[in-house]
C-alpha cells in the first residue's frame, strides 16, 4: 500500500526531471506557473470521498498507482485512420500526450486560423501563449487541474481570428498506447476564438491496445464577444483507462457556447465542465450522454457560474447504465449577486438496465441574485415494458425493439447538436454502443437500485 508521503515523493521525482526539459523551462512565467501548481497539488493531494465535489467518486486507484510520465509513443497512419472523423477541417494527432505532426493533417487552413501543438507554440510564440495559459483554470480549487498545470507541456493550440467562420470541425485525436508499466499524460489545450468567430472543436480520446493509463487533461476555451463555439468531448478508451478531463470556458459579452460530452469508454472517468458567463447576454448549453456497462464509473461534474446579467444556460445530461456500472451527475449552478435576469435550467435523466447499476444525481442551485429564473430536476427509471411489448407485438424482435427505445432516449442528446460532420460522427458511435447494450441478454422483472442525493435543505423535482 503506497502512503501519501510515498505518493507525493513519486510525483516530486517526476516533476523535478520534467522541469529540467519541459517546453518553456527557461521562461520565468511558465516555470512559476508550474511550480505554484505543483506546490498546490502537494498541499492538498488527491481528493477523497470526504470532499463534497468528489463524494460519489473514489480516486484511490489513481492515487495508489505508481505512474510514469509518458514519452511519445508510436502509432501508424493506419491506426490513426480507424478513428477518422469524416468531413473535418483538419486533424491534430497526439500520441501519449505529445503532438505528432507527421500523423496530423493541418495543411491548407484558411487565413486567420492557427492550429498546432502547444509545446511548439510555447517555443515560437511564448508571449501569445502567456496572455491566456493558466489565466482561467482554477488550480486552487481542483487538485487534478493543479497536477495538469504542473506537468502541462503539450496539447492543442487553436487560435481563430476575429470574424472567421469555420463550418467544418477541428479534430483533436488523443491516442494512448499500451505499455508494460502504468503511464500518465497531462494534455493541456488552449483554444482562443476571437470576437464574432465561429468554430467547432472535437476532443476525441481513444486507445491502441490495453494497459493501465491515466490521462489528466485540461482545456481552456476563451470565447470573445459574439463568438460561437461548439466543443465536443468524446471518451472511448479501453476499460483499464483512468480519464480525468476539465473544460474551463470563459465567455465574453453575447458569446454562445455549446459543450457536448459523450462518455462511452474508460474504467474510471470524471468529466468536469466549468463555464463562466462573464459578459452580458451570454448563452451556454451543456449537453451530455454517458453509456456504461461492466464496472465502469462515469462521473459528470458541472459548475456553471453566472457572473453577468441577462445570461442563459441549459444543462441536459442523459445516462444509460447496465451491469454494475455506476454513474454520477453533479450539476451546480451559481448565480452571482450581479447576475440579474439569469435564466438557467438543469435536467438529468437516467435509464438503469440492471438491478446492479447505480446512479448518484445531485442537481444544485446557489442563487445570490433576486431577479432570476432557475429550475432543476432529475429522473430515474428503466425501459418501459409497455412500449417494449407494443413494439414486439408489431413483429419487431426484442433486440431491435430495445435498440429503438434506447436510441430514442440517447437521441435527445443528439438532437441538441448542430447538424454537421461532428454530429454525424457522434451519432455513429452512439449507435454502435446502443446496439451492444440492446443485444445483451434481456433481464426479466428487475428493479433498478437507485440512489438520489439532494443538497441539504433544498427541494428538487424527481419524476418517475
Protein backbone atom coordinates (compact mmCIF):
# COMPACT_ATOMS: atom_id res chain seq x y z
CA UNK A 1 0.00 0.00 0.00
CA UNK A 2 1.56 3.29 -1.07
CA UNK A 3 1.47 6.00 1.61
CA UNK A 4 0.64 9.66 0.98
CA UNK A 5 4.29 10.60 1.51
CA UNK A 6 5.50 7.97 -0.97
CA UNK A 7 2.82 9.07 -3.40
CA UNK A 8 3.95 12.71 -3.36
CA UNK A 9 7.59 11.64 -3.47
CA UNK A 10 6.96 9.76 -6.70
CA UNK A 11 5.36 12.81 -8.30
CA UNK A 12 8.11 15.08 -6.95
CA UNK A 13 10.79 13.00 -8.65
CA UNK A 14 8.87 13.12 -11.93
CA UNK A 15 8.27 16.87 -11.63
CA UNK A 16 11.92 17.64 -10.86
CA UNK A 17 13.04 15.84 -14.03
CA UNK A 18 10.19 17.32 -16.04
CA UNK A 19 11.07 20.91 -15.12
CA UNK A 20 14.59 20.46 -16.49
CA UNK A 21 13.49 19.54 -20.01
CA UNK A 22 9.90 20.72 -20.49
CA UNK A 23 8.99 23.13 -23.26
CA UNK A 24 9.42 26.64 -21.90
CA UNK A 25 11.55 25.56 -18.93
CA UNK A 26 13.62 28.72 -19.45
CA UNK A 27 10.59 31.05 -19.30
CA UNK A 28 10.19 32.53 -15.81
CA UNK A 29 6.41 32.97 -16.05
CA UNK A 30 5.88 29.34 -17.11
CA UNK A 31 8.26 27.92 -14.52
CA UNK A 32 6.43 29.88 -11.82
CA UNK A 33 3.04 28.73 -13.11
CA UNK A 34 4.11 25.09 -12.98
CA UNK A 35 5.85 25.36 -9.60
CA UNK A 36 2.90 27.09 -7.94
CA UNK A 37 0.53 24.46 -9.33
CA UNK A 38 2.71 21.59 -8.13
CA UNK A 39 3.00 23.17 -4.69
CA UNK A 40 -0.78 23.33 -4.53
CA UNK A 41 -1.08 19.67 -5.52
CA UNK A 42 1.43 18.69 -2.81
CA UNK A 43 -0.56 20.74 -0.31
CA UNK A 44 -3.94 19.10 -0.91
CA UNK A 45 -3.09 15.73 -2.53
CA UNK A 46 -5.67 13.72 -4.40
CA UNK A 47 -9.31 14.32 -3.44
CA UNK A 48 -11.20 11.78 -1.35
CA UNK A 49 -14.86 10.96 -0.87
CA UNK A 50 -14.80 13.32 2.14
CA UNK A 51 -14.56 16.21 -0.35
CA UNK A 52 -18.08 17.29 -1.29
CA UNK A 53 -17.29 17.58 -5.01
CA UNK A 54 -15.90 14.02 -5.00
CA UNK A 55 -18.24 12.29 -2.57
CA UNK A 56 -19.51 9.84 -5.21
CA UNK A 57 -16.15 9.08 -6.87
CA UNK A 58 -13.25 7.30 -5.22
CA UNK A 59 -9.92 8.01 -6.95
CA UNK A 60 -7.85 5.82 -4.61
CA UNK A 61 -6.97 3.57 -7.56
CA UNK A 62 -5.26 6.54 -9.23
CA UNK A 63 -3.60 7.71 -6.03
CA UNK A 64 -2.03 4.34 -5.17
CA UNK A 65 -0.70 3.55 -8.66
CA UNK A 66 2.89 4.50 -9.47
CA UNK A 67 2.54 6.17 -12.84
CA UNK A 68 5.47 7.11 -15.03
CA UNK A 69 5.27 10.25 -17.14
CA UNK A 70 4.75 9.05 -20.70
CA UNK A 71 7.16 9.75 -23.51
CA UNK A 72 5.89 9.96 -27.06
CA UNK A 73 4.62 6.54 -28.12
CA UNK A 74 4.27 5.07 -31.57
CA UNK A 75 1.26 4.91 -33.83
CA UNK A 76 0.85 4.24 -37.54
CA UNK A 77 -1.18 6.06 -40.15
CA UNK A 78 -3.43 3.00 -40.45
CA UNK A 79 -4.12 3.05 -36.72
CA UNK A 80 -4.96 6.75 -36.85
CA UNK A 81 -7.29 6.32 -39.83
CA UNK A 82 -9.61 3.98 -37.92
CA UNK A 83 -10.55 6.93 -35.70
CA UNK A 84 -11.01 9.36 -38.60
CA UNK A 85 -13.76 11.99 -38.41
CA UNK A 86 -15.11 12.38 -41.97
CA UNK A 87 -15.51 15.98 -43.06
CA UNK A 88 -13.12 17.50 -40.52
CA UNK A 89 -11.26 20.67 -41.47
CA UNK A 90 -8.02 19.32 -40.01
CA UNK A 91 -6.69 16.62 -37.70
CA UNK A 92 -4.21 17.04 -34.84
CA UNK A 93 -2.87 13.74 -33.50
CA UNK A 94 -1.41 13.35 -30.02
CA UNK A 95 0.23 10.07 -29.04
CA UNK A 96 0.62 9.59 -25.28
CA UNK A 97 0.07 13.32 -24.81
CA UNK A 98 2.61 14.51 -27.42
CA UNK A 99 1.76 16.23 -30.69
CA UNK A 100 2.82 14.19 -33.74
CA UNK A 101 2.98 16.45 -36.77
CA UNK A 102 3.69 13.67 -39.27
CA UNK A 103 0.42 11.91 -38.36
CA UNK A 104 -1.59 15.14 -38.40
CA UNK A 105 -3.30 16.91 -41.27
CA UNK A 106 -3.11 20.67 -40.78
CA UNK A 107 -2.25 22.00 -44.24
CA UNK A 108 -4.24 24.47 -46.35
CA UNK A 109 -6.05 26.13 -43.47
CA UNK A 110 -7.94 29.38 -44.08
CA UNK A 111 -6.22 32.66 -43.28
CA UNK A 112 -6.75 33.68 -39.68
CA UNK A 113 -6.73 30.09 -38.39
CA UNK A 114 -3.73 28.80 -36.45
CA UNK A 115 -3.56 25.25 -35.10
CA UNK A 116 -0.71 23.13 -33.84
CA UNK A 117 0.97 21.70 -30.78
CA UNK A 118 1.11 23.78 -27.61
CA UNK A 119 4.77 22.88 -26.97
CA UNK A 120 5.72 24.19 -30.41
CA UNK A 121 3.72 27.37 -29.81
CA UNK A 122 5.40 27.94 -26.43
CA UNK A 123 8.79 27.83 -28.17
CA UNK A 124 7.82 30.07 -31.10
CA UNK A 125 5.23 32.45 -29.61
CA UNK A 126 5.53 32.42 -25.82
CA UNK A 127 4.03 35.90 -25.39
CA UNK A 128 0.84 34.87 -27.21
CA UNK A 129 0.50 31.79 -25.03
CA UNK A 130 1.30 33.70 -21.84
CA UNK A 131 -1.67 36.04 -22.30
CA UNK A 132 -4.11 33.14 -21.80
CA UNK A 133 -2.48 29.96 -20.48
CA UNK A 134 -3.30 29.40 -16.83
CA UNK A 135 -5.47 32.53 -16.52
CA UNK A 136 -8.77 30.66 -16.20
CA UNK A 137 -8.25 27.16 -14.81
CA UNK A 138 -8.65 27.11 -11.03
CA UNK A 139 -5.68 25.21 -9.64
CA UNK A 140 -6.54 26.23 -6.07
CA UNK A 141 -9.91 24.53 -6.19
CA UNK A 142 -9.11 21.31 -8.03
CA UNK A 143 -6.11 19.05 -7.41
CA UNK A 144 -6.28 17.46 -10.88
CA UNK A 145 -6.19 20.90 -12.52
CA UNK A 146 -3.16 21.73 -10.40
CA UNK A 147 -1.48 18.47 -11.42
CA UNK A 148 -2.22 19.13 -15.09
CA UNK A 149 -0.80 22.66 -14.88
CA UNK A 150 2.33 21.37 -13.16
CA UNK A 151 3.01 18.79 -15.88
CA UNK A 152 1.31 20.63 -18.75
CA UNK A 153 3.61 20.86 -21.74
CA UNK A 154 1.88 19.74 -24.89
CA UNK A 155 -1.61 19.60 -26.29
CA UNK A 156 -3.58 21.55 -28.85
CA UNK A 157 -3.18 25.24 -29.58
CA UNK A 158 -6.01 26.78 -31.60
CA UNK A 159 -6.40 30.48 -32.38
CA UNK A 160 -9.29 31.74 -34.52
CA UNK A 161 -9.04 35.39 -35.57
CA UNK A 162 -11.89 37.89 -35.38
CA UNK A 163 -14.78 37.25 -37.76
CA UNK A 164 -13.52 33.88 -39.06
CA UNK A 165 -16.32 31.33 -39.52
CA UNK A 166 -15.39 27.65 -39.86
CA UNK A 167 -18.13 25.25 -40.89
CA UNK A 168 -16.06 22.04 -40.62
CA UNK A 169 -14.81 20.82 -37.22
CA UNK A 170 -11.24 20.74 -35.93
CA UNK A 171 -10.49 17.18 -34.77
CA UNK A 172 -8.11 16.60 -31.85
CA UNK A 173 -7.27 12.91 -31.53
CA UNK A 174 -5.60 11.78 -28.29
CA UNK A 175 -4.24 8.23 -28.52
CA UNK A 176 -2.98 6.22 -25.55
CA UNK A 177 -0.74 3.27 -26.34
CA UNK A 178 -0.12 0.05 -24.44
CA UNK A 179 2.87 -0.19 -22.10
CA UNK A 180 4.42 -2.63 -19.64
CA UNK A 181 4.05 -0.08 -16.86
CA UNK A 182 1.33 2.43 -15.90
CA UNK A 183 1.71 5.69 -17.81
CA UNK A 184 0.29 9.15 -17.15
CA UNK A 185 -0.26 12.01 -19.57
CA UNK A 186 -1.37 15.58 -18.91
CA UNK A 187 -2.53 17.14 -22.19
CA UNK A 188 -3.13 20.88 -21.98
CA UNK A 189 -5.26 22.53 -24.66
CA UNK A 190 -5.70 26.24 -25.31
CA UNK A 191 -8.47 27.41 -27.65
CA UNK A 192 -8.94 31.12 -28.31
CA UNK A 193 -11.87 32.21 -30.50
CA UNK A 194 -11.83 35.97 -31.01
CA UNK A 195 -14.82 38.29 -31.42
CA UNK A 196 -17.53 37.17 -33.88
CA UNK A 197 -15.71 33.97 -34.81
CA UNK A 198 -17.25 30.52 -35.12
CA UNK A 199 -15.62 27.11 -34.70
CA UNK A 200 -16.33 23.50 -33.69
CA UNK A 201 -13.65 21.57 -31.78
CA UNK A 202 -13.81 17.81 -31.18
CA UNK A 203 -11.62 16.28 -28.45
CA UNK A 204 -11.51 12.52 -29.03
CA UNK A 205 -9.82 10.13 -26.56
CA UNK A 206 -9.04 6.61 -27.81
CA UNK A 207 -6.74 3.66 -27.05
CA UNK A 208 -4.45 1.39 -29.03
CA UNK A 209 -4.00 -1.78 -27.02
CA UNK A 210 -4.83 -2.16 -23.32
CA UNK A 211 -2.77 -1.32 -20.25
CA UNK A 212 -3.23 0.85 -17.18
CA UNK A 213 -3.12 4.50 -18.23
CA UNK A 214 -4.03 7.81 -16.61
CA UNK A 215 -4.97 10.74 -18.83
CA UNK A 216 -5.49 14.01 -16.96
CA UNK A 217 -6.41 16.67 -19.50
CA UNK A 218 -7.42 20.32 -19.21
CA UNK A 219 -8.77 22.68 -21.84
CA UNK A 220 -9.04 26.45 -21.52
CA UNK A 221 -11.59 27.77 -24.02
CA UNK A 222 -11.77 31.55 -24.42
CA UNK A 223 -14.65 32.94 -26.49
CA UNK A 224 -14.74 36.61 -27.46
CA UNK A 225 -17.73 38.91 -27.87
CA UNK A 226 -20.45 37.45 -30.14
CA UNK A 227 -18.34 34.34 -30.68
CA UNK A 228 -19.97 30.99 -31.35
CA UNK A 229 -18.16 27.80 -30.32
CA UNK A 230 -19.20 24.15 -30.13
CA UNK A 231 -16.96 21.84 -28.12
CA UNK A 232 -17.21 18.02 -28.15
CA UNK A 233 -15.62 15.70 -25.61
CA UNK A 234 -15.60 12.04 -26.72
CA UNK A 235 -14.26 9.42 -24.30
CA UNK A 236 -13.94 5.92 -25.77
CA UNK A 237 -10.77 4.50 -24.26
CA UNK A 238 -10.43 0.92 -23.03
CA UNK A 239 -11.73 -0.05 -19.59
CA UNK A 240 -8.36 -0.04 -17.84
CA UNK A 241 -8.06 3.68 -18.51
CA UNK A 242 -8.44 6.47 -15.98
CA UNK A 243 -9.58 9.68 -17.63
CA UNK A 244 -9.99 13.00 -15.81
CA UNK A 245 -10.93 15.93 -18.05
CA UNK A 246 -11.63 19.57 -17.27
CA UNK A 247 -13.13 22.07 -19.68
CA UNK A 248 -12.90 25.66 -18.44
CA UNK A 249 -14.91 28.10 -20.58
CA UNK A 250 -14.55 31.88 -20.42
CA UNK A 251 -17.34 33.70 -22.27
CA UNK A 252 -17.43 37.39 -23.10
CA UNK A 253 -20.45 39.54 -23.97
CA UNK A 254 -23.13 37.78 -26.09
CA UNK A 255 -20.92 34.74 -26.67
CA UNK A 256 -22.69 31.45 -27.42
CA UNK A 257 -21.01 28.20 -26.36
CA UNK A 258 -22.18 24.60 -26.58
CA UNK A 259 -20.44 21.78 -24.71
CA UNK A 260 -21.30 18.22 -25.79
CA UNK A 261 -19.85 15.34 -23.76
CA UNK A 262 -20.23 11.71 -24.81
CA UNK A 263 -18.72 9.17 -22.41
CA UNK A 264 -18.63 5.64 -23.80
CA UNK A 265 -15.34 4.13 -22.60
CA UNK A 266 -12.85 4.25 -19.77
CA UNK A 267 -12.86 2.43 -16.44
CA UNK A 268 -12.97 5.50 -14.20
CA UNK A 269 -13.96 8.74 -15.90
CA UNK A 270 -14.52 12.19 -14.44
CA UNK A 271 -15.82 14.87 -16.81
CA UNK A 272 -15.64 18.44 -15.43
CA UNK A 273 -17.29 21.30 -17.31
CA UNK A 274 -16.90 24.80 -15.86
CA UNK A 275 -18.24 27.73 -17.90
CA UNK A 276 -18.12 31.30 -16.59
CA UNK A 277 -20.56 33.64 -18.31
CA UNK A 278 -18.53 36.79 -17.74
CA UNK A 279 -20.26 39.11 -20.21
CA UNK A 280 -23.84 40.31 -20.58
CA UNK A 281 -26.16 38.32 -22.81
CA UNK A 282 -24.12 35.12 -22.97
CA UNK A 283 -25.66 31.73 -23.70
CA UNK A 284 -24.29 28.32 -22.73
CA UNK A 285 -25.56 24.82 -23.49
CA UNK A 286 -24.08 21.87 -21.57
CA UNK A 287 -25.29 18.68 -23.19
CA UNK A 288 -24.14 15.17 -22.44
CA UNK A 289 -24.70 11.44 -22.70
CA UNK A 290 -22.95 8.69 -20.76
CA UNK A 291 -23.35 4.98 -21.51
CA UNK A 292 -21.74 2.46 -19.18
CA UNK A 293 -21.63 -1.27 -18.57
CA UNK A 294 -19.42 -3.77 -16.77
CA UNK A 295 -17.92 -1.93 -13.81
CA UNK A 296 -17.41 1.43 -15.45
CA UNK A 297 -17.60 4.54 -13.28
CA UNK A 298 -18.68 7.66 -15.20
CA UNK A 299 -18.80 10.92 -13.24
CA UNK A 300 -20.08 14.22 -14.65
CA UNK A 301 -19.47 17.40 -12.65
CA UNK A 302 -20.90 20.65 -13.97
CA UNK A 303 -20.19 24.05 -12.42
CA UNK A 304 -21.93 26.90 -14.23
CA UNK A 305 -21.13 30.40 -13.00
CA UNK A 306 -23.44 33.24 -13.98
CA UNK A 307 -21.28 36.30 -13.33
CA UNK A 308 -23.11 38.84 -15.53
CA UNK A 309 -26.76 39.80 -16.09
CA UNK A 310 -29.10 38.70 -18.90
CA UNK A 311 -27.37 35.34 -19.48
CA UNK A 312 -28.92 31.93 -20.06
CA UNK A 313 -27.66 28.40 -19.51
CA UNK A 314 -29.08 24.95 -20.13
CA UNK A 315 -27.80 21.62 -18.78
CA UNK A 316 -29.18 18.38 -20.21
CA UNK A 317 -27.49 15.08 -19.32
CA UNK A 318 -28.79 11.58 -20.09
CA UNK A 319 -27.31 8.38 -18.71
CA UNK A 320 -27.75 4.71 -19.67
CA UNK A 321 -26.20 2.19 -17.28
CA UNK A 322 -26.06 -1.61 -17.40
CA UNK A 323 -24.43 -4.41 -15.36
CA UNK A 324 -22.56 -2.96 -12.34
CA UNK A 325 -21.89 0.43 -13.94
CA UNK A 326 -22.00 3.48 -11.70
CA UNK A 327 -22.94 6.93 -13.00
CA UNK A 328 -22.74 10.32 -11.33
CA UNK A 329 -24.32 13.63 -12.24
CA UNK A 330 -23.47 16.60 -10.03
CA UNK A 331 -24.77 19.78 -11.61
CA UNK A 332 -24.15 23.04 -9.81
CA UNK A 333 -25.40 26.44 -10.95
CA UNK A 334 -24.05 29.51 -9.16
CA UNK A 335 -25.80 32.82 -9.82
CA UNK A 336 -23.65 35.68 -8.54
CA UNK A 337 -25.05 38.83 -6.97
CA UNK A 338 -24.77 40.99 -10.10
CA UNK A 339 -26.19 38.35 -12.45
CA UNK A 340 -29.76 39.65 -12.53
CA UNK A 341 -32.18 38.33 -15.18
CA UNK A 342 -30.41 34.97 -15.25
CA UNK A 343 -32.32 32.13 -16.93
CA UNK A 344 -30.90 28.70 -16.04
CA UNK A 345 -32.25 25.17 -16.35
CA UNK A 346 -30.76 21.83 -15.36
CA UNK A 347 -32.10 18.36 -16.16
CA UNK A 348 -30.65 14.88 -15.63
CA UNK A 349 -32.44 11.77 -16.97
CA UNK A 350 -31.25 8.20 -16.43
CA UNK A 351 -32.09 4.68 -17.57
CA UNK A 352 -30.87 1.74 -15.47
CA UNK A 353 -30.92 -1.58 -17.33
CA UNK A 354 -29.76 -3.74 -14.43
CA UNK A 355 -30.63 -4.02 -10.75
CA UNK A 356 -26.89 -3.72 -10.04
CA UNK A 357 -26.45 -0.42 -11.91
CA UNK A 358 -26.36 2.72 -9.80
CA UNK A 359 -26.77 6.45 -10.37
CA UNK A 360 -25.99 9.28 -7.95
CA UNK A 361 -27.61 12.52 -9.08
CA UNK A 362 -27.32 15.85 -7.37
CA UNK A 363 -28.81 18.93 -9.06
CA UNK A 364 -27.87 22.06 -7.13
CA UNK A 365 -28.63 25.79 -7.25
CA UNK A 366 -26.83 28.61 -5.44
CA UNK A 367 -28.58 31.91 -6.09
CA UNK A 368 -27.31 35.24 -4.78
CA UNK A 369 -29.42 37.47 -7.06
CA UNK A 370 -33.12 38.21 -6.61
CA UNK A 371 -34.40 38.50 -10.20
CA UNK A 372 -33.73 35.12 -11.79
CA UNK A 373 -35.47 32.13 -13.34
CA UNK A 374 -33.79 28.84 -12.36
CA UNK A 375 -35.08 25.26 -12.34
CA UNK A 376 -33.55 21.83 -11.92
CA UNK A 377 -34.65 18.19 -11.75
CA UNK A 378 -33.77 14.55 -12.27
CA UNK A 379 -35.49 11.36 -13.40
CA UNK A 380 -34.51 7.72 -12.94
CA UNK A 381 -36.22 4.72 -14.49
CA UNK A 382 -35.90 1.71 -16.75
CA UNK A 383 -37.10 0.66 -20.19
CA UNK A 384 -40.87 0.95 -20.34
CA UNK A 385 -42.22 -2.59 -20.56
CA UNK A 386 -45.45 -1.46 -22.24
CA UNK A 387 -43.50 0.24 -25.00
CA UNK A 388 -41.32 -2.83 -25.44
CA UNK A 389 -44.40 -5.08 -25.60
CA UNK A 390 -46.04 -2.75 -28.13
CA UNK A 391 -43.06 -2.91 -30.47
CA UNK A 392 -42.77 -6.70 -30.17
CA UNK A 393 -46.50 -7.11 -30.83
CA UNK A 394 -45.89 -5.33 -34.15
CA UNK A 395 -43.42 -8.02 -35.23
CA UNK A 396 -40.18 -6.33 -34.12
CA UNK A 397 -37.71 -8.69 -32.45
CA UNK A 398 -36.68 -7.94 -28.88
CA UNK A 399 -33.14 -6.77 -29.63
CA UNK A 400 -34.36 -4.36 -32.30
CA UNK A 401 -37.13 -3.12 -30.02
CA UNK A 402 -34.70 -2.48 -27.17
CA UNK A 403 -32.36 -0.68 -29.55
CA UNK A 404 -35.18 1.56 -30.78
CA UNK A 405 -36.15 2.56 -27.26
CA UNK A 406 -32.56 3.13 -26.11
CA UNK A 407 -31.73 5.08 -29.25
CA UNK A 408 -34.78 7.29 -28.79
CA UNK A 409 -33.54 8.10 -25.28
CA UNK A 410 -29.97 8.74 -26.47
CA UNK A 411 -31.17 10.84 -29.41
CA UNK A 412 -32.32 13.56 -27.04
CA UNK A 413 -28.62 14.37 -26.73
CA UNK A 414 -28.04 14.21 -30.49
CA UNK A 415 -30.98 16.50 -31.21
CA UNK A 416 -29.24 19.34 -29.35
CA UNK A 417 -26.16 19.14 -31.59
CA UNK A 418 -25.88 21.31 -34.67
CA UNK A 419 -26.22 19.26 -37.89
CA UNK A 420 -22.89 18.56 -39.49
CA UNK A 421 -19.85 16.30 -39.54
CA UNK A 422 -19.33 16.27 -35.76
CA UNK A 423 -22.91 15.25 -35.03
CA UNK A 424 -22.86 12.53 -37.68
CA UNK A 425 -19.64 11.14 -36.21
CA UNK A 426 -21.11 11.08 -32.68
CA UNK A 427 -24.35 9.51 -33.88
CA UNK A 428 -22.43 6.62 -35.45
CA UNK A 429 -20.52 5.97 -32.21
CA UNK A 430 -23.69 6.05 -30.12
CA UNK A 431 -25.47 3.66 -32.49
CA UNK A 432 -22.65 1.13 -32.05
CA UNK A 433 -22.77 1.26 -28.26
CA UNK A 434 -26.56 1.18 -28.05
CA UNK A 435 -26.64 -1.92 -30.26
CA UNK A 436 -24.22 -3.65 -27.87
CA UNK A 437 -26.46 -2.85 -24.91
CA UNK A 438 -29.60 -3.92 -26.71
CA UNK A 439 -28.00 -7.24 -27.70
CA UNK A 440 -27.21 -8.08 -24.07
CA UNK A 441 -29.34 -10.82 -22.51
CA UNK A 442 -32.69 -9.29 -21.50
CA UNK A 443 -33.32 -9.24 -17.76
CA UNK A 444 -36.75 -10.09 -16.53
CA UNK A 445 -38.61 -8.26 -13.77
CA UNK A 446 -35.65 -6.31 -12.43
CA UNK A 447 -35.97 -3.16 -10.40
CA UNK A 448 -33.08 -0.66 -10.59
CA UNK A 449 -31.16 0.20 -7.46
CA UNK A 450 -31.04 3.96 -7.30
CA UNK A 451 -29.50 6.48 -5.04
CA UNK A 452 -30.58 10.09 -5.34
CA UNK A 453 -28.85 12.85 -3.42
CA UNK A 454 -30.02 16.42 -3.00
CA UNK A 455 -28.42 19.35 -1.20
CA UNK A 456 -29.46 19.66 2.44
CA UNK A 457 -32.42 21.93 2.88
CA UNK A 458 -33.21 22.19 -0.83
CA UNK A 459 -36.11 20.78 -2.79
CA UNK A 460 -35.87 19.46 -6.30
CA UNK A 461 -38.02 17.60 -8.71
CA UNK A 462 -37.92 13.86 -9.22
CA UNK A 463 -40.19 12.41 -11.86
CA UNK A 464 -40.52 8.67 -12.19
